[in-house]
Amino acid sequence: MNKRNKRITNYFILFSLILILGVVYSVLQANLQINGTTKITQNSWDVHFDSIQVTKGSVPIGTGDTGATIDPNNPLKVDFEVTLSTPGDFYEFTVDVENDGSIDAMIGTLTKTLKVNNVTVSEIPDYLNYSVTYENDTEILEKHLLAKGKKETLKIRLEFKTDIEVEDLPGAATTITTSVETQYIQADDTAIKIIKPSFVGYYADIEEDGIVDGIIYADLLAGKTTDGNSYTIPTISNAKEYHVSQEEYNGPFGTHAVLSPSSSTGAERFYIMALTDADGTSSGETIYCWYSAAGRYGGSGVPESLTSSDFGSGRDNTENVLEAWLNEEYGSQNEHEDNINDIWEEVQYKANDGWFVPSRQEWEAFIRELDITVEKANNYGLFYKDDLPGVYWSSSLSSTTSAVAADYINPEYPEYTYNEWVDFIDRRYLRLSNTF
């Protein structure tokens, strides 16, 4: 028998929803089912549900209700029954669809139905919001790939609308049944990778200790190449898993969600910039030289080969120059006559936690991706004075005696950067990056 040509299929009935709704003061109820069956050949086809997480703020589970759970006897079925009694009430959860088999899968067909009192209709009633998407609100489409060993997170949300009129409610108790049936089949060359939005602009809490560490300015799953290639954010295909650890955080870059890693294994997906300068302030209290002794007249300078301007080189640049500075290979430490420290004096205490001086391209990516302007600078905690307007050191050398500085308020400078002397003449601010 030619097994190679047999297509493996897997039917997911993602949800079956029942709502009972009276008039005005009635109780809104829901019974959501996720049903499915799968054929397993030689233990190589295994697509199933796992790991339900209920969204903070969802209605509590009342008497007679059941929170979303995976059927212990059927890993392709999820049930829940909740009561939404007040406009604005909602119940939302996420569930992972995992492909633990050895065969790539894709969505073959996607069928959505909606019934009111067992009569099929084409639209969701006016009093109800009901959505089924991927976790990041991306639409679920036919031929979406679920690669072997991978998972996708679905988000299910049911909400009693607040912007409704009495006439929008039914005149009698109404039963609403909603189902979405997804057929997973063996993937072929028509499979489509899911295009996920970038998380640039989200905040980051690396340790999930409630302390927001920075703002995301590059997402390696999204990547980017700019016109003229002034900077290129590389693209990776696999990364750590992440989750929203705070729904809303009001920080210097506005109110956004906070991401934290869900696991310690996998490639680091995000580049972040600290929310304050390296001295812990946003008030412009501390300025630094780059490496004053190396750039003095008669100094040896620092070999350009120690650094690069490329995106992704900031950490290596930092490690290379910091080691040379600690060993005083190109001159003594902190030689400025006015007791202004080299940047490496500050960096040495933070490098062990992964913080580094951004490269030229990393600085430009931060400026452009977050649209840093002089008008926004103070709100963003990027301090500037008349004599030192918004200029920050990078870790990239442009010659043996000059380093690249980033100037977010002067777009007339090519790539928002220009060269500064590493000696005692030029003194600039310092802000650090990290990855997670």
Protein backbone atom coordinates (compact mmCIF):
# COMPACT_ATOMS: atom_id res chain seq x y z
CA MET A 1 0.00 0.00 0.00
CA ASN A 2 1.33 3.40 -0.91
CA LYS A 3 1.15 5.27 2.39
CA ARG A 4 3.06 8.21 1.02
CA ASN A 5 0.13 9.37 -1.08
CA LYS A 6 -2.45 9.06 1.67
CA ARG A 7 -3.35 12.50 3.07
CA ILE A 8 -3.79 12.61 6.80
CA THR A 9 -6.66 14.71 8.05
CA ASN A 10 -7.72 15.99 11.42
CA TYR A 11 -11.07 17.63 12.06
CA PHE A 12 -11.35 20.21 14.77
CA ILE A 13 -14.79 21.41 15.70
CA LEU A 14 -13.41 24.40 17.46
CA PHE A 15 -16.49 25.63 19.24
CA SER A 16 -20.16 25.16 19.78
CA LEU A 17 -21.76 28.06 21.60
CA ILE A 18 -25.18 28.24 23.25
CA LEU A 19 -26.53 31.52 24.61
CA ILE A 20 -29.77 32.10 26.46
CA LEU A 21 -30.75 35.76 26.43
CA GLY A 22 -33.91 37.32 27.83
CA VAL A 23 -35.02 40.92 27.60
CA VAL A 24 -33.12 43.75 29.30
CA TYR A 25 -32.46 42.12 32.69
CA SER A 26 -32.16 38.53 31.58
CA VAL A 27 -29.07 36.38 32.10
CA LEU A 28 -26.78 35.75 29.15
CA GLN A 29 -25.39 32.24 29.20
CA ALA A 30 -22.90 30.46 27.00
CA ASN A 31 -21.90 26.87 26.49
CA LEU A 32 -18.85 26.60 24.24
CA GLN A 33 -17.61 23.26 22.92
CA ILE A 34 -14.53 22.40 20.98
CA ASN A 35 -14.78 18.97 19.43
CA GLY A 36 -12.52 17.04 17.10
CA THR A 37 -11.18 13.68 16.04
CA THR A 38 -7.84 12.68 14.69
CA LYS A 39 -6.30 9.71 12.91
CA ILE A 40 -2.84 8.76 14.14
CA THR A 41 -0.53 6.73 11.92
CA GLN A 42 2.45 5.18 13.63
CA ASN A 43 2.28 7.88 16.35
CA SER A 44 3.39 10.46 13.79
CA TRP A 45 0.17 12.50 13.54
CA ASP A 46 -0.64 14.30 16.78
CA VAL A 47 -2.48 17.61 16.62
CA HIS A 48 -4.30 18.50 19.81
CA PHE A 49 -5.28 21.22 22.27
CA ASP A 50 -3.19 22.11 25.32
CA SER A 51 -2.67 24.81 27.94
CA ILE A 52 -5.77 26.95 28.49
CA GLN A 53 -5.22 30.40 29.98
CA VAL A 54 -8.22 32.53 31.03
CA THR A 55 -7.76 36.26 30.45
CA LYS A 56 -7.65 38.50 33.50
CA GLY A 57 -10.95 40.34 33.93
CA SER A 58 -13.11 37.52 32.60
CA VAL A 59 -16.30 36.87 34.57
CA PRO A 60 -15.84 34.46 37.47
CA ILE A 61 -17.23 30.99 37.12
CA GLY A 62 -20.61 30.93 38.86
CA THR A 63 -22.75 28.16 40.28
CA GLY A 64 -23.58 25.68 37.56
CA ASP A 65 -21.02 27.17 35.18
CA THR A 66 -17.84 25.53 33.95
CA GLY A 67 -14.62 27.30 33.05
CA ALA A 68 -12.84 26.41 29.83
CA THR A 69 -11.24 22.99 30.20
CA ILE A 70 -9.83 20.38 27.85
CA ASP A 71 -11.77 17.13 28.00
CA PRO A 72 -9.43 14.66 29.79
CA ASN A 73 -10.75 11.88 27.57
CA ASN A 74 -10.51 13.86 24.33
CA PRO A 75 -7.64 16.33 23.82
CA LEU A 76 -9.50 17.79 20.82
CA LYS A 77 -12.43 19.06 22.83
CA VAL A 78 -12.80 22.12 25.02
CA ASP A 79 -15.99 23.02 26.87
CA PHE A 80 -17.08 26.01 28.87
CA GLU A 81 -20.29 27.47 30.18
CA VAL A 82 -20.40 30.96 31.64
CA THR A 83 -22.97 33.56 32.64
CA LEU A 84 -22.69 37.12 31.34
CA SER A 85 -25.26 39.08 33.30
CA THR A 86 -24.25 42.69 32.73
CA PRO A 87 -23.32 44.60 29.56
CA GLY A 88 -19.54 44.73 29.42
CA ASP A 89 -19.11 41.27 30.93
CA PHE A 90 -16.83 39.01 28.92
CA TYR A 91 -15.19 35.64 29.03
CA GLU A 92 -11.95 35.17 27.13
CA PHE A 93 -9.36 32.44 27.07
CA THR A 94 -6.49 31.17 24.96
CA VAL A 95 -5.79 27.58 24.03
CA ASP A 96 -2.79 26.15 22.22
CA VAL A 97 -3.13 23.97 19.14
CA GLU A 98 0.00 21.83 19.17
CA ASN A 99 1.49 19.65 16.47
CA ASP A 100 3.53 17.10 18.39
CA GLY A 101 3.72 14.75 15.44
CA SER A 102 6.39 14.34 12.82
CA ILE A 103 4.29 15.66 9.91
CA ASP A 104 3.59 19.30 9.04
CA ALA A 105 -0.11 20.17 9.13
CA MET A 106 -2.18 22.95 7.62
CA ILE A 107 -5.78 24.08 7.75
CA GLY A 108 -7.60 22.37 4.90
CA THR A 109 -11.07 23.81 5.30
CA LEU A 110 -12.53 26.35 7.68
CA THR A 111 -16.31 26.31 8.16
CA LYS A 112 -18.18 28.79 10.35
CA THR A 113 -21.87 28.51 11.20
CA LEU A 114 -24.24 30.50 13.40
CA LYS A 115 -27.74 29.43 14.42
CA VAL A 116 -30.46 31.35 16.27
CA ASN A 117 -33.11 28.99 17.63
CA ASN A 118 -31.64 26.31 15.36
CA VAL A 119 -32.04 28.49 12.24
CA THR A 120 -28.81 29.26 10.39
CA VAL A 121 -28.11 33.00 10.07
CA SER A 122 -25.25 34.92 8.50
CA GLU A 123 -24.47 37.49 11.21
CA ILE A 124 -23.81 37.51 14.95
CA PRO A 125 -26.63 39.20 16.91
CA ASP A 126 -26.22 42.89 17.71
CA TYR A 127 -25.93 42.30 21.46
CA LEU A 128 -23.00 39.92 21.22
CA ASN A 129 -19.30 40.13 20.38
CA TYR A 130 -17.89 36.73 19.53
CA SER A 131 -14.46 36.21 18.02
CA VAL A 132 -12.04 33.40 17.38
CA THR A 133 -8.55 34.45 16.24
CA TYR A 134 -4.93 33.71 16.89
CA GLU A 135 -3.63 35.14 20.16
CA ASN A 136 -2.41 38.35 18.52
CA ASP A 137 -5.81 38.91 16.79
CA THR A 138 -4.56 37.61 13.44
CA GLU A 139 -7.35 36.05 11.41
CA ILE A 140 -7.41 32.26 11.09
CA LEU A 141 -7.28 31.28 7.40
CA GLU A 142 -7.32 28.16 5.29
CA LYS A 143 -3.89 26.71 4.44
CA HIS A 144 -2.30 28.26 7.51
CA LEU A 145 0.69 26.12 8.42
CA LEU A 146 1.09 24.29 11.73
CA ALA A 147 4.60 22.89 11.40
CA LYS A 148 5.66 19.73 13.18
CA GLY A 149 6.84 20.42 16.69
CA LYS A 150 5.16 23.85 16.70
CA LYS A 151 2.06 25.33 18.19
CA GLU A 152 -0.30 28.21 17.59
CA THR A 153 -2.33 29.93 20.27
CA LEU A 154 -6.01 30.61 19.61
CA LYS A 155 -8.02 33.25 21.43
CA ILE A 156 -11.74 32.90 22.06
CA ARG A 157 -13.72 35.87 23.33
CA LEU A 158 -17.41 36.19 24.15
CA GLU A 159 -18.68 39.60 25.27
CA PHE A 160 -22.02 41.12 26.25
CA LYS A 161 -21.94 44.39 24.33
CA THR A 162 -22.31 47.72 26.10
CA ASP A 163 -23.22 49.86 23.08
CA ILE A 164 -26.66 48.32 22.53
CA GLU A 165 -30.24 49.54 22.58
CA VAL A 166 -33.23 47.75 24.09
CA GLU A 167 -34.53 47.10 20.59
CA ASP A 168 -31.33 45.20 19.81
CA LEU A 169 -32.31 42.51 22.32
CA PRO A 170 -34.58 39.65 21.29
CA GLY A 171 -38.20 39.70 22.40
CA ALA A 172 -37.95 36.27 23.95
CA ALA A 173 -35.37 33.87 25.30
CA THR A 174 -33.07 32.94 22.45
CA THR A 175 -30.71 30.05 21.93
CA ILE A 176 -27.64 30.85 19.86
CA THR A 177 -25.28 28.14 18.65
CA THR A 178 -22.02 29.11 17.04
CA SER A 179 -19.44 26.68 15.72
CA VAL A 180 -16.21 26.85 13.80
CA GLU A 181 -14.96 23.60 12.31
CA THR A 182 -11.35 23.45 11.20
CA GLN A 183 -9.96 20.52 9.27
CA TYR A 184 -6.23 20.02 9.68
CA ILE A 185 -4.61 18.05 6.88
CA GLN A 186 -1.12 17.07 5.92
CA ALA A 187 0.67 20.19 4.68
CA ASP A 188 1.76 20.54 1.07
CA ASP A 189 3.53 23.23 -0.94
CA THR A 190 0.44 25.48 -0.82
CA ALA A 191 0.75 25.91 2.96
CA ILE A 192 0.94 29.53 4.12
CA LYS A 193 3.02 30.74 7.03
CA ILE A 194 1.04 32.81 9.48
CA ILE A 195 2.01 36.46 9.23
CA LYS A 196 2.19 37.79 12.74
CA PRO A 197 2.29 41.46 13.67
CA SER A 198 5.39 42.94 15.19
CA PHE A 199 5.47 43.65 18.92
CA VAL A 200 7.59 46.77 18.52
CA GLY A 201 6.34 49.37 20.99
CA TYR A 202 5.42 46.87 23.70
CA TYR A 203 7.17 47.05 27.04
CA ALA A 204 9.36 44.24 28.38
CA ASP A 205 9.60 42.68 31.84
CA ILE A 206 12.47 40.25 31.38
CA GLU A 207 12.27 38.56 34.79
CA GLU A 208 8.50 38.99 35.21
CA ASP A 209 9.14 40.56 38.58
CA GLY A 210 6.78 43.47 38.00
CA ILE A 211 9.65 45.78 36.99
CA VAL A 212 9.43 46.96 33.38
CA ASP A 213 12.93 46.84 31.94
CA GLY A 214 12.58 48.54 28.58
CA ILE A 215 10.71 49.20 25.34
CA ILE A 216 10.83 46.78 22.41
CA TYR A 217 12.30 48.35 19.27
CA ALA A 218 13.05 45.27 17.16
CA ASP A 219 11.17 42.00 16.67
CA LEU A 220 13.32 39.35 15.00
CA LEU A 221 10.35 37.22 13.93
CA ALA A 222 9.19 40.18 11.86
CA GLY A 223 12.61 41.49 10.77
CA LYS A 224 13.05 44.49 8.49
CA THR A 225 15.25 45.87 5.74
CA THR A 226 15.10 49.63 5.26
CA ASP A 227 15.31 51.50 1.98
CA GLY A 228 18.98 52.04 1.21
CA ASN A 229 19.88 49.35 3.75
CA SER A 230 20.79 51.90 6.40
CA TYR A 231 19.90 49.18 8.89
CA THR A 232 18.68 45.61 8.59
CA ILE A 233 16.87 43.79 11.37
CA PRO A 234 17.53 40.09 10.75
CA THR A 235 14.73 37.52 10.71
CA ILE A 236 14.65 34.33 12.74
CA SER A 237 12.19 31.48 12.24
CA ASN A 238 12.00 30.16 15.81
CA ALA A 239 12.11 31.87 19.17
CA LYS A 240 11.24 31.60 22.83
CA GLU A 241 7.61 31.66 23.83
CA TYR A 242 6.26 34.89 25.35
CA HIS A 243 3.10 36.06 27.07
CA VAL A 244 1.46 39.30 28.16
CA SER A 245 2.41 39.77 31.82
CA GLN A 246 0.63 43.11 32.17
CA GLU A 247 -2.33 44.15 30.01
CA GLU A 248 -1.62 47.86 30.44
CA TYR A 249 1.46 49.71 31.61
CA ASN A 250 1.56 53.49 31.57
CA GLY A 251 5.21 54.31 30.91
CA PRO A 252 7.26 56.97 29.13
CA PHE A 253 6.33 55.54 25.72
CA GLY A 254 2.60 55.59 26.42
CA THR A 255 0.24 52.89 27.63
CA HIS A 256 0.99 49.47 26.16
CA ALA A 257 1.00 45.83 27.18
CA VAL A 258 4.07 44.24 28.78
CA LEU A 259 5.65 41.03 27.44
CA SER A 260 7.61 38.47 29.44
CA PRO A 261 9.23 35.21 28.34
CA SER A 262 7.29 32.01 29.02
CA SER A 263 10.35 29.77 28.72
CA SER A 264 14.11 30.00 29.08
CA THR A 265 14.89 27.97 25.97
CA GLY A 266 14.91 29.19 22.38
CA ALA A 267 16.30 32.17 20.53
CA GLU A 268 15.78 35.64 21.96
CA ARG A 269 13.25 37.45 19.81
CA PHE A 270 13.27 41.06 20.99
CA TYR A 271 15.68 44.00 21.30
CA ILE A 272 14.80 46.51 23.99
CA MET A 273 16.08 49.92 25.02
CA ALA A 274 16.18 50.82 28.71
CA LEU A 275 13.59 53.33 29.91
CA THR A 276 16.25 55.46 31.62
CA ASP A 277 19.83 56.45 31.00
CA ALA A 278 22.57 54.19 32.34
CA ASP A 279 22.78 56.18 35.57
CA GLY A 280 19.12 55.36 36.27
CA THR A 281 17.81 58.86 35.54
CA SER A 282 16.11 60.70 32.71
CA SER A 283 17.30 64.11 33.77
CA GLY A 284 20.57 64.39 31.89
CA GLU A 285 22.61 64.25 35.10
CA THR A 286 25.49 62.16 33.77
CA ILE A 287 27.60 62.53 30.65
CA TYR A 288 30.48 60.29 29.64
CA CYS A 289 33.55 60.08 27.47
CA TRP A 290 33.91 57.04 25.25
CA TYR A 291 37.52 56.08 26.11
CA SER A 292 39.33 59.31 26.87
CA ALA A 293 42.90 57.99 27.29
CA ALA A 294 42.87 56.14 23.97
CA GLY A 295 41.88 59.23 22.05
CA ARG A 296 44.20 61.77 23.61
CA TYR A 297 46.93 63.33 21.50
CA GLY A 298 49.61 60.70 21.35
CA GLY A 299 47.17 57.99 22.42
CA SER A 300 47.09 54.67 20.62
CA GLY A 301 43.44 54.84 19.66
CA VAL A 302 41.17 51.78 19.62
CA PRO A 303 41.31 49.35 16.68
CA GLU A 304 38.22 49.64 14.50
CA SER A 305 38.25 45.85 14.17
CA LEU A 306 36.96 45.57 17.75
CA THR A 307 33.55 46.87 16.72
CA SER A 308 30.98 46.82 13.95
CA SER A 309 28.12 49.13 13.00
CA ASP A 310 25.75 46.30 12.06
CA PHE A 311 22.47 45.54 13.76
CA GLY A 312 23.12 42.73 16.23
CA SER A 313 26.72 43.68 16.92
CA GLY A 314 26.19 45.87 19.98
CA ARG A 315 26.70 43.11 22.52
CA ASP A 316 29.89 41.85 20.86
CA ASN A 317 31.17 45.43 20.53
CA THR A 318 30.55 45.98 24.21
CA GLU A 319 32.27 42.77 25.27
CA ASN A 320 35.32 43.47 23.09
CA VAL A 321 35.92 47.06 24.13
CA LEU A 322 35.01 46.48 27.78
CA GLU A 323 37.64 43.74 28.02
CA ALA A 324 40.26 46.00 26.45
CA TRP A 325 39.28 48.89 28.75
CA LEU A 326 39.41 46.71 31.87
CA ASN A 327 42.89 45.56 30.85
CA GLU A 328 43.87 49.15 29.96
CA GLU A 329 45.13 47.92 26.59
CA TYR A 330 44.75 51.32 24.93
CA GLY A 331 45.21 53.63 27.87
CA SER A 332 44.22 54.09 31.48
CA GLN A 333 40.62 54.16 32.64
CA ASN A 334 38.68 57.38 33.25
CA GLU A 335 41.48 59.80 32.32
CA HIS A 336 39.31 62.88 31.82
CA GLU A 337 40.73 65.87 33.65
CA ASP A 338 37.30 66.91 34.98
CA ASN A 339 36.62 63.45 36.44
CA ILE A 340 34.16 62.52 33.72
CA ASN A 341 34.11 58.75 33.44
CA ASP A 342 34.40 56.63 30.34
CA ILE A 343 31.18 54.83 29.44
CA TRP A 344 32.78 51.49 30.30
CA GLU A 345 32.96 52.45 33.96
CA GLU A 346 29.14 52.28 34.01
CA VAL A 347 28.77 49.39 31.57
CA GLN A 348 30.98 46.98 33.53
CA TYR A 349 28.38 46.72 36.29
CA LYS A 350 25.48 45.97 33.92
CA ALA A 351 27.06 43.78 31.25
CA ASN A 352 26.66 40.60 33.32
CA ASP A 353 22.89 41.10 33.16
CA GLY A 354 23.01 41.26 29.38
CA TRP A 355 22.97 45.04 28.93
CA PHE A 356 25.14 46.50 26.21
CA VAL A 357 25.87 49.74 24.36
CA PRO A 358 23.82 49.72 21.13
CA SER A 359 25.61 49.67 17.79
CA ARG A 360 25.06 52.37 15.19
CA GLN A 361 22.36 50.40 13.37
CA GLU A 362 20.66 49.42 16.62
CA TRP A 363 20.44 53.08 17.59
CA GLU A 364 18.99 54.00 14.21
CA ALA A 365 16.47 51.17 14.43
CA PHE A 366 15.37 52.44 17.85
CA ILE A 367 14.96 55.99 16.55
CA ARG A 368 13.09 55.05 13.39
CA GLU A 369 10.99 52.12 14.59
CA LEU A 370 9.64 54.10 17.55
CA ASP A 371 9.53 57.39 15.61
CA ILE A 372 11.65 59.32 18.13
CA THR A 373 11.34 63.07 17.58
CA VAL A 374 12.37 66.12 19.56
CA GLU A 375 8.70 66.75 20.35
CA LYS A 376 8.39 63.32 21.95
CA ALA A 377 11.82 63.21 23.58
CA ASN A 378 10.96 64.48 27.04
CA ASN A 379 7.96 62.18 27.32
CA TYR A 380 10.19 59.28 26.33
CA GLY A 381 12.73 60.09 29.03
CA LEU A 382 15.38 61.04 26.47
CA PHE A 383 16.92 64.13 27.93
CA TYR A 384 18.56 66.90 26.00
CA LYS A 385 20.12 70.30 26.73
CA ASP A 386 21.03 73.16 24.45
CA ASP A 387 24.70 72.22 24.48
CA LEU A 388 24.15 68.44 24.32
CA PRO A 389 20.97 67.95 22.32
CA GLY A 390 19.88 64.35 22.51
CA VAL A 391 23.23 62.76 21.66
CA TYR A 392 23.96 59.25 22.91
CA TRP A 393 27.05 57.09 22.53
CA SER A 394 26.96 53.96 20.39
CA SER A 395 29.43 51.08 20.70
CA SER A 396 30.57 51.43 17.07
CA LEU A 397 33.89 52.98 16.14
CA SER A 398 34.20 55.02 12.95
CA SER A 399 38.00 55.32 13.24
CA THR A 400 40.63 54.52 15.83
CA THR A 401 39.94 57.84 17.56
CA SER A 402 36.24 58.44 16.90
CA ALA A 403 33.01 56.63 17.73
CA VAL A 404 29.50 56.96 16.35
CA ALA A 405 27.00 58.99 18.35
CA ALA A 406 23.23 58.84 17.88
CA ASP A 407 21.28 62.06 17.56
CA TYR A 408 17.54 61.45 17.57
CA ILE A 409 16.56 65.09 17.01
CA ASN A 410 18.65 65.81 13.93
CA PRO A 411 17.31 63.82 10.94
CA GLU A 412 19.53 65.91 8.66
CA TYR A 413 22.42 63.78 9.84
CA PRO A 414 22.63 60.67 7.67
CA GLU A 415 21.11 57.72 9.55
CA TYR A 416 20.66 59.90 12.65
CA THR A 417 24.31 59.40 13.59
CA TYR A 418 27.66 61.16 13.25
CA ASN A 419 31.19 60.73 14.48
CA GLU A 420 32.50 62.01 17.80
CA TRP A 421 35.97 61.95 19.30
CA VAL A 422 36.50 59.20 21.85
CA ASP A 423 38.78 61.45 23.90
CA PHE A 424 37.97 64.11 26.49
CA ILE A 425 36.57 66.64 24.00
CA ASP A 426 33.23 64.99 23.26
CA ARG A 427 30.98 63.94 26.13
CA ARG A 428 27.62 62.34 25.59
CA TYR A 429 24.83 60.46 27.31
CA LEU A 430 24.62 56.70 27.70
CA ARG A 431 21.62 54.39 27.37
CA LEU A 432 21.80 50.61 27.17
CA SER A 433 20.04 47.84 25.24
CA ASN A 434 19.26 44.23 26.02
CA THR A 435 17.64 41.22 24.34
CA PHE A 436 15.16 38.73 25.68
